[in-house]
Amino acid sequence: FQTLGYTIDVYFGKAVPEKNPLKFALFVSYFPQLVAGPIERFSHLHQQLFQRVSFEYANLQQGGRLILYGLFIKMCVADNVSPIVDQIFGHSAEADGIQLAAGMLLFGLQIYSDFHGYSLIAIGTAKLLGVNLMDNFNAPYTSLSIREFWGRWHISLSTWFRDYLFIPLGGSKAGMTKLAINILIVFLVSGLWHGANWTFVVWGAMHGLAYLAERWLFPMRTKSRVGSALKWIWTMVIVFFAWIFFRSESVAHGTDYIMQMLQNTGDGLTIEWDPFLASIVGIFILSDLLFRNRSIHVWLESTSTLIRWSVYALLLFFITGFAGTVQHPFIYFQF
């Protein structure tokens, strides 16, 4: 996507071609975000890569904070949740309704903490070298609509699809029918990007249909607390039910998972719940709310030295003491 975006920009005259093959290779292969993003634009990244950089303590400070928090999210949250998710989805026919609902919620937490953690590590690593990468997540589970969710989830991918697929198809200036088709195309392609499996198509279609429903069938514009709560519930129901298909081996598996969860027909699994996992998850959820619309670096800069170093010590304590005992590859490495 990064190289394709450059090619499209050059073709339409929005970017000047890079004539130095080594500089272009550096742009394509810049290692912090090479495997899973954030997906950078040539106009934003290439000037930073080629400018003279001198050592700055502020870069080391900010980058180190992002890496530390990213390691906590990945190693303590995602890697501890992963075995439980694997057990529930791998034996869904035996699980009861509560366990299946927990598996759904925990996978949503796992994929978010796994990918968000990677993005923070990548952004922090680039910052150590004096390069600013774009933010990729912004508390997506606080969204009050599917549209807002995609403005907060994998931001570099959603903006790429907007600029290089949705707008060239006609964007929001097209008629109602054409607009609906354009939106569905974007979400279906987004699903197929994750893999050639019908489960990803269903996942993308659910988001696309929900997006259209919000836009035309029942737009909720109220700003009351009750209205906001209803909008949040609607959004989370769509997002988490769609995650079931994203995680399932087949559409039939995902459908059976949902039916069994709603009917509560399973006998139940024996699941070992780590008592410390609840506290780790709770800290992550509270921190995600705290860092909504701002990064951990900005928040730490506004606190006292005592609080700042206490946070460092707490994160290091969790990473060294409660990191997952089994190494789990980043989920988005497979995409």
C-alpha atoms as a PDB file:
ATOM      1  CA  PHE A   1       0.000   0.000   0.000  1.00  0.00           C
ATOM      2  CA  GLN A   2       2.822   2.400   0.808  1.00  0.00           C
ATOM      3  CA  THR A   3       4.545   1.835  -2.532  1.00  0.00           C
ATOM      4  CA  LEU A   4       1.241   1.772  -4.392  1.00  0.00           C
ATOM      5  CA  GLY A   5       0.274   5.112  -2.842  1.00  0.00           C
ATOM      6  CA  TYR A   6       3.573   6.590  -4.051  1.00  0.00           C
ATOM      7  CA  THR A   7       2.985   5.223  -7.577  1.00  0.00           C
ATOM      8  CA  ILE A   8      -0.538   6.681  -7.723  1.00  0.00           C
ATOM      9  CA  ASP A   9       0.614  10.065  -6.403  1.00  0.00           C
ATOM     10  CA  VAL A  10       3.386  10.241  -9.017  1.00  0.00           C
ATOM     11  CA  TYR A  11       0.993   9.207 -11.794  1.00  0.00           C
ATOM     12  CA  PHE A  12      -1.449  11.989 -10.924  1.00  0.00           C
ATOM     13  CA  GLY A  13       1.291  14.554 -10.366  1.00  0.00           C
ATOM     14  CA  LYS A  14       0.792  14.812  -6.611  1.00  0.00           C
ATOM     15  CA  ALA A  15       4.364  13.749  -5.857  1.00  0.00           C
ATOM     16  CA  VAL A  16       7.714  14.327  -7.527  1.00  0.00           C
ATOM     17  CA  PRO A  17       9.368  11.030  -8.525  1.00  0.00           C
ATOM     18  CA  GLU A  18      12.390  10.086  -6.440  1.00  0.00           C
ATOM     19  CA  LYS A  19      15.286   9.592  -8.869  1.00  0.00           C
ATOM     20  CA  ASN A  20      17.727   8.182  -6.338  1.00  0.00           C
ATOM     21  CA  PRO A  21      17.056   4.407  -6.126  1.00  0.00           C
ATOM     22  CA  LEU A  22      18.715   4.141  -2.713  1.00  0.00           C
ATOM     23  CA  LYS A  23      16.490   6.851  -1.253  1.00  0.00           C
ATOM     24  CA  PHE A  24      13.429   5.216  -2.758  1.00  0.00           C
ATOM     25  CA  ALA A  25      14.516   1.851  -1.340  1.00  0.00           C
ATOM     26  CA  LEU A  26      14.852   3.466   2.080  1.00  0.00           C
ATOM     27  CA  PHE A  27      11.303   4.798   1.841  1.00  0.00           C
ATOM     28  CA  VAL A  28       9.949   1.379   0.834  1.00  0.00           C
ATOM     29  CA  SER A  29      11.913  -0.642   3.377  1.00  0.00           C
ATOM     30  CA  TYR A  30      11.989   1.674   6.399  1.00  0.00           C
ATOM     31  CA  PHE A  31      12.218  -1.022   9.055  1.00  0.00           C
ATOM     32  CA  PRO A  32      10.097   0.137  12.059  1.00  0.00           C
ATOM     33  CA  GLN A  33       6.816   0.054  10.135  1.00  0.00           C
ATOM     34  CA  LEU A  34       7.782  -2.248   7.275  1.00  0.00           C
ATOM     35  CA  VAL A  35       5.769  -5.326   8.304  1.00  0.00           C
ATOM     36  CA  ALA A  36       2.470  -3.969   9.643  1.00  0.00           C
ATOM     37  CA  GLY A  37       2.419  -0.201   9.380  1.00  0.00           C
ATOM     38  CA  PRO A  38       1.508   2.493  10.041  1.00  0.00           C
ATOM     39  CA  ILE A  39       1.132   2.904   6.272  1.00  0.00           C
ATOM     40  CA  GLU A  40       2.989   6.116   5.556  1.00  0.00           C
ATOM     41  CA  ARG A  41       2.656   8.533   2.628  1.00  0.00           C
ATOM     42  CA  PHE A  42       5.666   9.506   0.553  1.00  0.00           C
ATOM     43  CA  SER A  43       4.944  13.197   1.119  1.00  0.00           C
ATOM     44  CA  HIS A  44       5.110  12.717   4.903  1.00  0.00           C
ATOM     45  CA  LEU A  45       7.964  10.249   5.258  1.00  0.00           C
ATOM     46  CA  HIS A  46      10.569  10.868   2.587  1.00  0.00           C
ATOM     47  CA  GLN A  47      11.613  14.370   3.707  1.00  0.00           C
ATOM     48  CA  GLN A  48      12.143  13.089   7.242  1.00  0.00           C
ATOM     49  CA  LEU A  49      14.216  10.133   6.083  1.00  0.00           C
ATOM     50  CA  PHE A  50      16.558  12.247   3.987  1.00  0.00           C
ATOM     51  CA  GLN A  51      17.091  15.222   6.294  1.00  0.00           C
ATOM     52  CA  ARG A  52      20.131  15.545   8.535  1.00  0.00           C
ATOM     53  CA  VAL A  53      19.320  14.254  12.016  1.00  0.00           C
ATOM     54  CA  SER A  54      21.199  15.056  15.222  1.00  0.00           C
ATOM     55  CA  PHE A  55      20.817  13.385  18.599  1.00  0.00           C
ATOM     56  CA  GLU A  56      18.040  14.868  20.710  1.00  0.00           C
ATOM     57  CA  TYR A  57      17.191  13.674  24.190  1.00  0.00           C
ATOM     58  CA  ALA A  58      13.537  14.555  23.605  1.00  0.00           C
ATOM     59  CA  ASN A  59      13.338  11.965  20.806  1.00  0.00           C
ATOM     60  CA  LEU A  60      14.857   9.318  23.070  1.00  0.00           C
ATOM     61  CA  GLN A  61      12.448  10.266  25.840  1.00  0.00           C
ATOM     62  CA  GLN A  62       9.300  10.230  23.718  1.00  0.00           C
ATOM     63  CA  GLY A  63      10.280   7.132  21.745  1.00  0.00           C
ATOM     64  CA  GLY A  64      11.175   5.228  24.900  1.00  0.00           C
ATOM     65  CA  ARG A  65       7.804   5.984  26.479  1.00  0.00           C
ATOM     66  CA  LEU A  66       5.902   4.766  23.433  1.00  0.00           C
ATOM     67  CA  ILE A  67       7.979   1.584  23.204  1.00  0.00           C
ATOM     68  CA  LEU A  68       7.553   0.862  26.924  1.00  0.00           C
ATOM     69  CA  TYR A  69       3.773   1.272  26.781  1.00  0.00           C
ATOM     70  CA  GLY A  70       3.590  -0.721  23.539  1.00  0.00           C
ATOM     71  CA  LEU A  71       5.521  -3.607  25.123  1.00  0.00           C
ATOM     72  CA  PHE A  72       3.128  -3.587  28.090  1.00  0.00           C
ATOM     73  CA  ILE A  73       0.079  -3.722  25.839  1.00  0.00           C
ATOM     74  CA  LYS A  74       1.491  -6.514  23.675  1.00  0.00           C
ATOM     75  CA  MET A  75       3.270  -8.684  26.228  1.00  0.00           C
ATOM     76  CA  CYS A  76       0.991  -8.289  29.244  1.00  0.00           C
ATOM     77  CA  VAL A  77      -2.450  -7.855  27.680  1.00  0.00           C
ATOM     78  CA  ALA A  78      -2.489  -9.468  24.221  1.00  0.00           C
ATOM     79  CA  ASP A  79      -0.200 -12.407  25.052  1.00  0.00           C
ATOM     80  CA  ASN A  80      -2.072 -13.264  28.260  1.00  0.00           C
ATOM     81  CA  VAL A  81      -5.476 -13.065  26.615  1.00  0.00           C
ATOM     82  CA  SER A  82      -4.434 -15.087  23.563  1.00  0.00           C
ATOM     83  CA  PRO A  83      -4.418 -18.606  25.171  1.00  0.00           C
ATOM     84  CA  ILE A  84      -7.936 -18.083  26.544  1.00  0.00           C
ATOM     85  CA  VAL A  85      -9.219 -16.866  23.182  1.00  0.00           C
ATOM     86  CA  ASP A  86      -7.598 -19.823  21.413  1.00  0.00           C
ATOM     87  CA  GLN A  87      -9.190 -22.262  23.854  1.00  0.00           C
ATOM     88  CA  ILE A  88     -12.685 -20.806  23.526  1.00  0.00           C
ATOM     89  CA  PHE A  89     -12.657 -20.454  19.728  1.00  0.00           C
ATOM     90  CA  GLY A  90     -10.933 -23.812  19.311  1.00  0.00           C
ATOM     91  CA  HIS A  91     -13.570 -25.594  21.409  1.00  0.00           C
ATOM     92  CA  SER A  92     -16.563 -23.339  20.835  1.00  0.00           C
ATOM     93  CA  ALA A  93     -18.969 -26.290  20.499  1.00  0.00           C
ATOM     94  CA  GLU A  94     -18.283 -27.205  24.131  1.00  0.00           C
ATOM     95  CA  ALA A  95     -18.309 -23.689  25.617  1.00  0.00           C
ATOM     96  CA  ASP A  96     -21.371 -22.186  27.295  1.00  0.00           C
ATOM     97  CA  GLY A  97     -22.915 -18.847  26.357  1.00  0.00           C
ATOM     98  CA  ILE A  98     -21.043 -16.793  28.940  1.00  0.00           C
ATOM     99  CA  GLN A  99     -17.697 -18.286  27.895  1.00  0.00           C
ATOM    100  CA  LEU A 100     -18.456 -17.634  24.229  1.00  0.00           C
ATOM    101  CA  ALA A 101     -19.373 -14.018  24.997  1.00  0.00           C
ATOM    102  CA  ALA A 102     -16.140 -13.710  26.978  1.00  0.00           C
ATOM    103  CA  GLY A 103     -14.209 -15.164  24.032  1.00  0.00           C
ATOM    104  CA  MET A 104     -15.758 -12.582  21.720  1.00  0.00           C
ATOM    105  CA  LEU A 105     -14.889  -9.687  24.042  1.00  0.00           C
ATOM    106  CA  LEU A 106     -11.413 -10.986  24.783  1.00  0.00           C
ATOM    107  CA  PHE A 107     -10.561 -11.418  21.113  1.00  0.00           C
ATOM    108  CA  GLY A 108     -11.612  -7.822  20.482  1.00  0.00           C
ATOM    109  CA  LEU A 109      -9.274  -6.847  23.311  1.00  0.00           C
ATOM    110  CA  GLN A 110      -6.519  -9.139  22.027  1.00  0.00           C
ATOM    111  CA  ILE A 111      -6.447  -7.906  18.437  1.00  0.00           C
ATOM    112  CA  TYR A 112      -6.600  -4.284  19.576  1.00  0.00           C
ATOM    113  CA  SER A 113      -3.840  -4.578  22.184  1.00  0.00           C
ATOM    114  CA  ASP A 114      -1.719  -6.715  19.852  1.00  0.00           C
ATOM    115  CA  PHE A 115      -1.851  -4.315  16.905  1.00  0.00           C
ATOM    116  CA  HIS A 116      -1.908  -1.135  18.973  1.00  0.00           C
ATOM    117  CA  GLY A 117       1.129  -2.380  20.873  1.00  0.00           C
ATOM    118  CA  TYR A 118       3.007  -3.064  17.638  1.00  0.00           C
ATOM    119  CA  SER A 119       2.111   0.368  16.259  1.00  0.00           C
ATOM    120  CA  LEU A 120       3.379   2.114  19.387  1.00  0.00           C
ATOM    121  CA  ILE A 121       6.643   0.145  19.278  1.00  0.00           C
ATOM    122  CA  ALA A 122       7.085   1.049  15.601  1.00  0.00           C
ATOM    123  CA  ILE A 123       6.259   4.726  16.156  1.00  0.00           C
ATOM    124  CA  GLY A 124       8.543   4.856  19.201  1.00  0.00           C
ATOM    125  CA  THR A 125      11.423   3.178  17.375  1.00  0.00           C
ATOM    126  CA  ALA A 126      11.148   5.654  14.505  1.00  0.00           C
ATOM    127  CA  LYS A 127      11.039   8.517  17.001  1.00  0.00           C
ATOM    128  CA  LEU A 128      14.367   7.383  18.458  1.00  0.00           C
ATOM    129  CA  LEU A 129      15.789   8.034  14.986  1.00  0.00           C
ATOM    130  CA  GLY A 130      14.127  11.445  14.715  1.00  0.00           C
ATOM    131  CA  VAL A 131      11.288  10.325  12.418  1.00  0.00           C
ATOM    132  CA  ASN A 132       7.621  11.003  13.173  1.00  0.00           C
ATOM    133  CA  LEU A 133       5.184   8.320  12.030  1.00  0.00           C
ATOM    134  CA  MET A 134       1.443   8.880  12.047  1.00  0.00           C
ATOM    135  CA  ASP A 135      -0.693   7.608  14.925  1.00  0.00           C
ATOM    136  CA  ASN A 136      -2.552   4.408  14.093  1.00  0.00           C
ATOM    137  CA  PHE A 137      -5.068   4.070  16.949  1.00  0.00           C
ATOM    138  CA  ASN A 138      -7.069   6.425  19.116  1.00  0.00           C
ATOM    139  CA  ALA A 139      -9.263   4.584  21.645  1.00  0.00           C
ATOM    140  CA  PRO A 140     -11.512   2.948  18.990  1.00  0.00           C
ATOM    141  CA  TYR A 141     -13.721   1.191  21.536  1.00  0.00           C
ATOM    142  CA  THR A 142     -15.003   4.548  22.762  1.00  0.00           C
ATOM    143  CA  SER A 143     -16.552   5.249  19.339  1.00  0.00           C
ATOM    144  CA  LEU A 144     -20.219   6.187  19.036  1.00  0.00           C
ATOM    145  CA  SER A 145     -20.595   5.065  15.403  1.00  0.00           C
ATOM    146  CA  ILE A 146     -19.001   2.756  12.868  1.00  0.00           C
ATOM    147  CA  ARG A 147     -17.769   5.814  10.997  1.00  0.00           C
ATOM    148  CA  GLU A 148     -16.048   7.098  14.135  1.00  0.00           C
ATOM    149  CA  PHE A 149     -14.654   3.623  14.821  1.00  0.00           C
ATOM    150  CA  TRP A 150     -12.873   3.635  11.465  1.00  0.00           C
ATOM    151  CA  GLY A 151     -11.536   7.091  12.244  1.00  0.00           C
ATOM    152  CA  ARG A 152      -9.895   5.618  15.339  1.00  0.00           C
ATOM    153  CA  TRP A 153      -8.995   2.047  14.240  1.00  0.00           C
ATOM    154  CA  HIS A 154      -5.969   1.387  11.986  1.00  0.00           C
ATOM    155  CA  ILE A 155      -6.086   5.038  10.955  1.00  0.00           C
ATOM    156  CA  SER A 156      -3.363   4.731   8.342  1.00  0.00           C
ATOM    157  CA  LEU A 157      -5.277   1.972   6.520  1.00  0.00           C
ATOM    158  CA  SER A 158      -8.702   3.630   6.693  1.00  0.00           C
ATOM    159  CA  THR A 159      -7.341   6.947   5.421  1.00  0.00           C
ATOM    160  CA  TRP A 160      -5.479   5.089   2.641  1.00  0.00           C
ATOM    161  CA  PHE A 161      -8.705   3.453   1.455  1.00  0.00           C
ATOM    162  CA  ARG A 162     -10.455   6.822   1.666  1.00  0.00           C
ATOM    163  CA  ASP A 163      -7.870   8.653  -0.431  1.00  0.00           C
ATOM    164  CA  TYR A 164      -6.951   5.957  -2.963  1.00  0.00           C
ATOM    165  CA  LEU A 165     -10.206   4.004  -3.343  1.00  0.00           C
ATOM    166  CA  PHE A 166     -13.267   5.787  -1.982  1.00  0.00           C
ATOM    167  CA  ILE A 167     -12.561   9.265  -3.382  1.00  0.00           C
ATOM    168  CA  PRO A 168     -11.477   7.993  -6.849  1.00  0.00           C
ATOM    169  CA  LEU A 169     -14.727   5.995  -6.994  1.00  0.00           C
ATOM    170  CA  GLY A 170     -16.652   9.240  -6.579  1.00  0.00           C
ATOM    171  CA  GLY A 171     -16.546   9.696  -2.819  1.00  0.00           C
ATOM    172  CA  SER A 172     -19.493  11.271  -1.049  1.00  0.00           C
ATOM    173  CA  LYS A 173     -20.284  13.515  -4.037  1.00  0.00           C
ATOM    174  CA  ALA A 174     -21.895  10.643  -5.938  1.00  0.00           C
ATOM    175  CA  GLY A 175     -25.619   9.937  -5.869  1.00  0.00           C
ATOM    176  CA  MET A 176     -27.179   7.921  -3.080  1.00  0.00           C
ATOM    177  CA  THR A 177     -27.017   4.582  -4.901  1.00  0.00           C
ATOM    178  CA  LYS A 178     -23.478   5.134  -6.144  1.00  0.00           C
ATOM    179  CA  LEU A 179     -22.381   6.283  -2.698  1.00  0.00           C
ATOM    180  CA  ALA A 180     -23.791   3.143  -1.093  1.00  0.00           C
ATOM    181  CA  ILE A 181     -21.983   0.976  -3.656  1.00  0.00           C
ATOM    182  CA  ASN A 182     -18.730   2.877  -3.110  1.00  0.00           C
ATOM    183  CA  ILE A 183     -18.925   2.429   0.650  1.00  0.00           C
ATOM    184  CA  LEU A 184     -19.618  -1.291   0.342  1.00  0.00           C
ATOM    185  CA  ILE A 185     -16.734  -1.708  -2.115  1.00  0.00           C
ATOM    186  CA  VAL A 186     -14.328  -0.046   0.316  1.00  0.00           C
ATOM    187  CA  PHE A 187     -15.370  -2.233   3.239  1.00  0.00           C
ATOM    188  CA  LEU A 188     -15.382  -5.427   1.180  1.00  0.00           C
ATOM    189  CA  VAL A 189     -11.907  -4.677  -0.179  1.00  0.00           C
ATOM    190  CA  SER A 190     -10.795  -3.925   3.370  1.00  0.00           C
ATOM    191  CA  GLY A 191     -12.022  -7.364   4.372  1.00  0.00           C
ATOM    192  CA  LEU A 192     -10.335  -9.104   1.438  1.00  0.00           C
ATOM    193  CA  TRP A 193      -7.084  -7.303   2.226  1.00  0.00           C
ATOM    194  CA  HIS A 194      -6.902  -9.338   5.436  1.00  0.00           C
ATOM    195  CA  GLY A 195      -7.134 -12.642   3.582  1.00  0.00           C
ATOM    196  CA  ALA A 196      -8.826 -14.637   0.821  1.00  0.00           C
ATOM    197  CA  ASN A 197     -11.493 -16.072   3.099  1.00  0.00           C
ATOM    198  CA  TRP A 198     -15.240 -15.499   3.208  1.00  0.00           C
ATOM    199  CA  THR A 199     -14.979 -14.735   6.917  1.00  0.00           C
ATOM    200  CA  PHE A 200     -13.156 -11.492   6.116  1.00  0.00           C
ATOM    201  CA  VAL A 201     -15.730 -10.633   3.466  1.00  0.00           C
ATOM    202  CA  VAL A 202     -18.504 -11.061   6.031  1.00  0.00           C
ATOM    203  CA  TRP A 203     -16.537  -8.965   8.514  1.00  0.00           C
ATOM    204  CA  GLY A 204     -16.154  -6.148   5.977  1.00  0.00           C
ATOM    205  CA  ALA A 205     -19.781  -6.436   4.839  1.00  0.00           C
ATOM    206  CA  MET A 206     -21.056  -6.137   8.420  1.00  0.00           C
ATOM    207  CA  HIS A 207     -19.143  -2.905   8.897  1.00  0.00           C
ATOM    208  CA  GLY A 208     -20.234  -1.570   5.516  1.00  0.00           C
ATOM    209  CA  LEU A 209     -23.939  -2.332   6.038  1.00  0.00           C
ATOM    210  CA  ALA A 210     -23.838  -0.892   9.548  1.00  0.00           C
ATOM    211  CA  TYR A 211     -22.175   2.245   8.172  1.00  0.00           C
ATOM    212  CA  LEU A 212     -24.960   2.642   5.611  1.00  0.00           C
ATOM    213  CA  ALA A 213     -27.632   1.963   8.231  1.00  0.00           C
ATOM    214  CA  GLU A 214     -26.217   4.725  10.412  1.00  0.00           C
ATOM    215  CA  ARG A 215     -26.152   7.117   7.513  1.00  0.00           C
ATOM    216  CA  TRP A 216     -29.681   6.649   6.177  1.00  0.00           C
ATOM    217  CA  LEU A 217     -31.934   4.332   8.162  1.00  0.00           C
ATOM    218  CA  PHE A 218     -31.540   5.554  11.711  1.00  0.00           C
ATOM    219  CA  PRO A 219     -29.067   8.390  12.095  1.00  0.00           C
ATOM    220  CA  MET A 220     -28.828   9.087  15.841  1.00  0.00           C
ATOM    221  CA  ARG A 221     -27.884  12.724  16.243  1.00  0.00           C
ATOM    222  CA  THR A 222     -28.857  13.180  19.864  1.00  0.00           C
ATOM    223  CA  LYS A 223     -26.207  14.479  22.236  1.00  0.00           C
ATOM    224  CA  SER A 224     -27.913  13.318  25.419  1.00  0.00           C
ATOM    225  CA  ARG A 225     -26.211  10.794  27.677  1.00  0.00           C
ATOM    226  CA  VAL A 226     -28.878   8.194  26.950  1.00  0.00           C
ATOM    227  CA  GLY A 227     -28.534   8.750  23.216  1.00  0.00           C
ATOM    228  CA  SER A 228     -24.741   8.537  23.405  1.00  0.00           C
ATOM    229  CA  ALA A 229     -24.999   5.329  25.424  1.00  0.00           C
ATOM    230  CA  LEU A 230     -27.330   3.778  22.836  1.00  0.00           C
ATOM    231  CA  LYS A 231     -25.003   4.813  20.004  1.00  0.00           C
ATOM    232  CA  TRP A 232     -22.033   3.296  21.827  1.00  0.00           C
ATOM    233  CA  ILE A 233     -23.892   0.032  22.487  1.00  0.00           C
ATOM    234  CA  TRP A 234     -24.966  -0.218  18.842  1.00  0.00           C
ATOM    235  CA  THR A 235     -21.406   0.374  17.637  1.00  0.00           C
ATOM    236  CA  MET A 236     -19.835  -2.137  20.006  1.00  0.00           C
ATOM    237  CA  VAL A 237     -22.419  -4.818  19.162  1.00  0.00           C
ATOM    238  CA  ILE A 238     -21.551  -4.533  15.469  1.00  0.00           C
ATOM    239  CA  VAL A 239     -17.806  -4.367  16.069  1.00  0.00           C
ATOM    240  CA  PHE A 240     -17.579  -7.310  18.463  1.00  0.00           C
ATOM    241  CA  PHE A 241     -20.014  -9.580  16.625  1.00  0.00           C
ATOM    242  CA  ALA A 242     -18.023  -8.886  13.450  1.00  0.00           C
ATOM    243  CA  TRP A 243     -14.830  -9.887  15.296  1.00  0.00           C
ATOM    244  CA  ILE A 244     -16.315 -13.396  15.676  1.00  0.00           C
ATOM    245  CA  PHE A 245     -16.170 -13.912  11.903  1.00  0.00           C
ATOM    246  CA  PHE A 246     -12.729 -12.298  11.732  1.00  0.00           C
ATOM    247  CA  ARG A 247     -11.423 -14.883  14.217  1.00  0.00           C
ATOM    248  CA  SER A 248     -13.414 -17.901  13.003  1.00  0.00           C
ATOM    249  CA  GLU A 249     -12.053 -20.511  10.607  1.00  0.00           C
ATOM    250  CA  SER A 250     -15.148 -20.344   8.375  1.00  0.00           C
ATOM    251  CA  VAL A 251     -18.450 -18.520   8.050  1.00  0.00           C
ATOM    252  CA  ALA A 252     -20.221 -21.647   9.335  1.00  0.00           C
ATOM    253  CA  HIS A 253     -17.974 -21.657  12.406  1.00  0.00           C
ATOM    254  CA  GLY A 254     -18.729 -17.993  13.072  1.00  0.00           C
ATOM    255  CA  THR A 255     -22.468 -18.494  12.585  1.00  0.00           C
ATOM    256  CA  ASP A 256     -22.517 -21.519  14.903  1.00  0.00           C
ATOM    257  CA  TYR A 257     -20.503 -19.561  17.461  1.00  0.00           C
ATOM    258  CA  ILE A 258     -23.082 -16.763  17.533  1.00  0.00           C
ATOM    259  CA  MET A 259     -26.082 -19.105  17.631  1.00  0.00           C
ATOM    260  CA  GLN A 260     -24.626 -21.141  20.472  1.00  0.00           C
ATOM    261  CA  MET A 261     -23.681 -17.998  22.382  1.00  0.00           C
ATOM    262  CA  LEU A 262     -27.237 -16.642  22.133  1.00  0.00           C
ATOM    263  CA  GLN A 263     -28.885 -19.994  22.891  1.00  0.00           C
ATOM    264  CA  ASN A 264     -26.406 -20.972  25.638  1.00  0.00           C
ATOM    265  CA  THR A 265     -26.446 -24.661  24.713  1.00  0.00           C
ATOM    266  CA  GLY A 266     -22.855 -25.678  25.561  1.00  0.00           C
ATOM    267  CA  ASP A 267     -21.839 -27.654  28.642  1.00  0.00           C
ATOM    268  CA  GLY A 268     -18.954 -25.339  29.483  1.00  0.00           C
ATOM    269  CA  LEU A 269     -15.156 -25.473  29.327  1.00  0.00           C
ATOM    270  CA  THR A 270     -12.631 -25.643  32.134  1.00  0.00           C
ATOM    271  CA  ILE A 271     -10.745 -22.385  31.705  1.00  0.00           C
ATOM    272  CA  GLU A 272      -7.853 -21.295  33.901  1.00  0.00           C
ATOM    273  CA  TRP A 273      -8.270 -17.596  34.601  1.00  0.00           C
ATOM    274  CA  ASP A 274      -5.158 -15.858  35.892  1.00  0.00           C
ATOM    275  CA  PRO A 275      -6.295 -13.638  38.800  1.00  0.00           C
ATOM    276  CA  PHE A 276      -3.776 -10.997  37.773  1.00  0.00           C
ATOM    277  CA  LEU A 277      -5.170 -10.825  34.242  1.00  0.00           C
ATOM    278  CA  ALA A 278      -8.225  -8.866  35.359  1.00  0.00           C
ATOM    279  CA  SER A 279      -6.044  -6.180  36.931  1.00  0.00           C
ATOM    280  CA  ILE A 280      -3.821  -5.964  33.845  1.00  0.00           C
ATOM    281  CA  VAL A 281      -6.846  -5.660  31.554  1.00  0.00           C
ATOM    282  CA  GLY A 282      -8.407  -3.100  33.869  1.00  0.00           C
ATOM    283  CA  ILE A 283      -5.274  -0.948  33.839  1.00  0.00           C
ATOM    284  CA  PHE A 284      -5.151  -1.095  30.050  1.00  0.00           C
ATOM    285  CA  ILE A 285      -8.819  -0.114  29.658  1.00  0.00           C
ATOM    286  CA  LEU A 286      -8.450   2.795  32.086  1.00  0.00           C
ATOM    287  CA  SER A 287      -5.258   3.960  30.383  1.00  0.00           C
ATOM    288  CA  ASP A 288      -6.937   3.756  26.971  1.00  0.00           C
ATOM    289  CA  LEU A 289      -9.693   6.042  28.232  1.00  0.00           C
ATOM    290  CA  LEU A 290      -7.083   8.356  29.740  1.00  0.00           C
ATOM    291  CA  PHE A 291      -5.104   8.578  26.497  1.00  0.00           C
ATOM    292  CA  ARG A 292      -8.148   9.172  24.294  1.00  0.00           C
ATOM    293  CA  ASN A 293      -7.243  11.916  21.806  1.00  0.00           C
ATOM    294  CA  ARG A 294      -3.736  12.198  23.266  1.00  0.00           C
ATOM    295  CA  SER A 295      -0.708   9.936  23.599  1.00  0.00           C
ATOM    296  CA  ILE A 296       0.909   8.573  26.728  1.00  0.00           C
ATOM    297  CA  HIS A 297       3.879  10.817  25.994  1.00  0.00           C
ATOM    298  CA  VAL A 298       1.741  13.975  26.114  1.00  0.00           C
ATOM    299  CA  TRP A 299       0.087  12.830  29.331  1.00  0.00           C
ATOM    300  CA  LEU A 300       3.374  11.995  31.036  1.00  0.00           C
ATOM    301  CA  GLU A 301       4.790  15.385  30.065  1.00  0.00           C
ATOM    302  CA  SER A 302       1.952  17.047  31.999  1.00  0.00           C
ATOM    303  CA  THR A 303       2.524  15.043  35.196  1.00  0.00           C
ATOM    304  CA  SER A 304       4.999  15.413  38.018  1.00  0.00           C
ATOM    305  CA  THR A 305       8.345  13.636  38.100  1.00  0.00           C
ATOM    306  CA  LEU A 306       7.096  11.316  40.848  1.00  0.00           C
ATOM    307  CA  ILE A 307       4.067  10.182  38.855  1.00  0.00           C
ATOM    308  CA  ARG A 308       6.080   9.876  35.641  1.00  0.00           C
ATOM    309  CA  TRP A 309       8.718   7.577  37.153  1.00  0.00           C
ATOM    310  CA  SER A 310       6.073   5.635  39.058  1.00  0.00           C
ATOM    311  CA  VAL A 311       4.402   4.863  35.724  1.00  0.00           C
ATOM    312  CA  TYR A 312       7.733   3.727  34.275  1.00  0.00           C
ATOM    313  CA  ALA A 313       8.314   1.441  37.265  1.00  0.00           C
ATOM    314  CA  LEU A 314       4.766   0.037  37.105  1.00  0.00           C
ATOM    315  CA  LEU A 315       5.025  -0.754  33.393  1.00  0.00           C
ATOM    316  CA  LEU A 316       8.433  -2.396  33.834  1.00  0.00           C
ATOM    317  CA  PHE A 317       7.073  -4.394  36.777  1.00  0.00           C
ATOM    318  CA  PHE A 318       4.170  -5.733  34.709  1.00  0.00           C
ATOM    319  CA  ILE A 319       6.365  -6.461  31.669  1.00  0.00           C
ATOM    320  CA  THR A 320       8.976  -8.403  33.654  1.00  0.00           C
ATOM    321  CA  GLY A 321       6.550 -10.105  36.030  1.00  0.00           C
ATOM    322  CA  PHE A 322       3.387 -10.814  34.048  1.00  0.00           C
ATOM    323  CA  ALA A 323       4.367 -11.012  30.392  1.00  0.00           C
ATOM    324  CA  GLY A 324       2.874 -13.983  28.578  1.00  0.00           C
ATOM    325  CA  THR A 325       4.928 -17.143  29.082  1.00  0.00           C
ATOM    326  CA  VAL A 326       4.471 -18.163  25.435  1.00  0.00           C
ATOM    327  CA  GLN A 327       5.599 -15.930  22.585  1.00  0.00           C
ATOM    328  CA  HIS A 328       2.726 -15.036  20.292  1.00  0.00           C
ATOM    329  CA  PRO A 329       3.540 -13.471  16.894  1.00  0.00           C
ATOM    330  CA  PHE A 330       1.864 -10.171  16.107  1.00  0.00           C
ATOM    331  CA  ILE A 331      -1.549 -10.911  14.616  1.00  0.00           C
ATOM    332  CA  TYR A 332      -1.194  -8.421  11.778  1.00  0.00           C
ATOM    333  CA  PHE A 333       2.080  -9.955  10.608  1.00  0.00           C
ATOM    334  CA  GLN A 334      -0.038 -12.532   8.746  1.00  0.00           C
ATOM    335  CA  PHE A 335      -1.768  -9.789   6.748  1.00  0.00           C
END
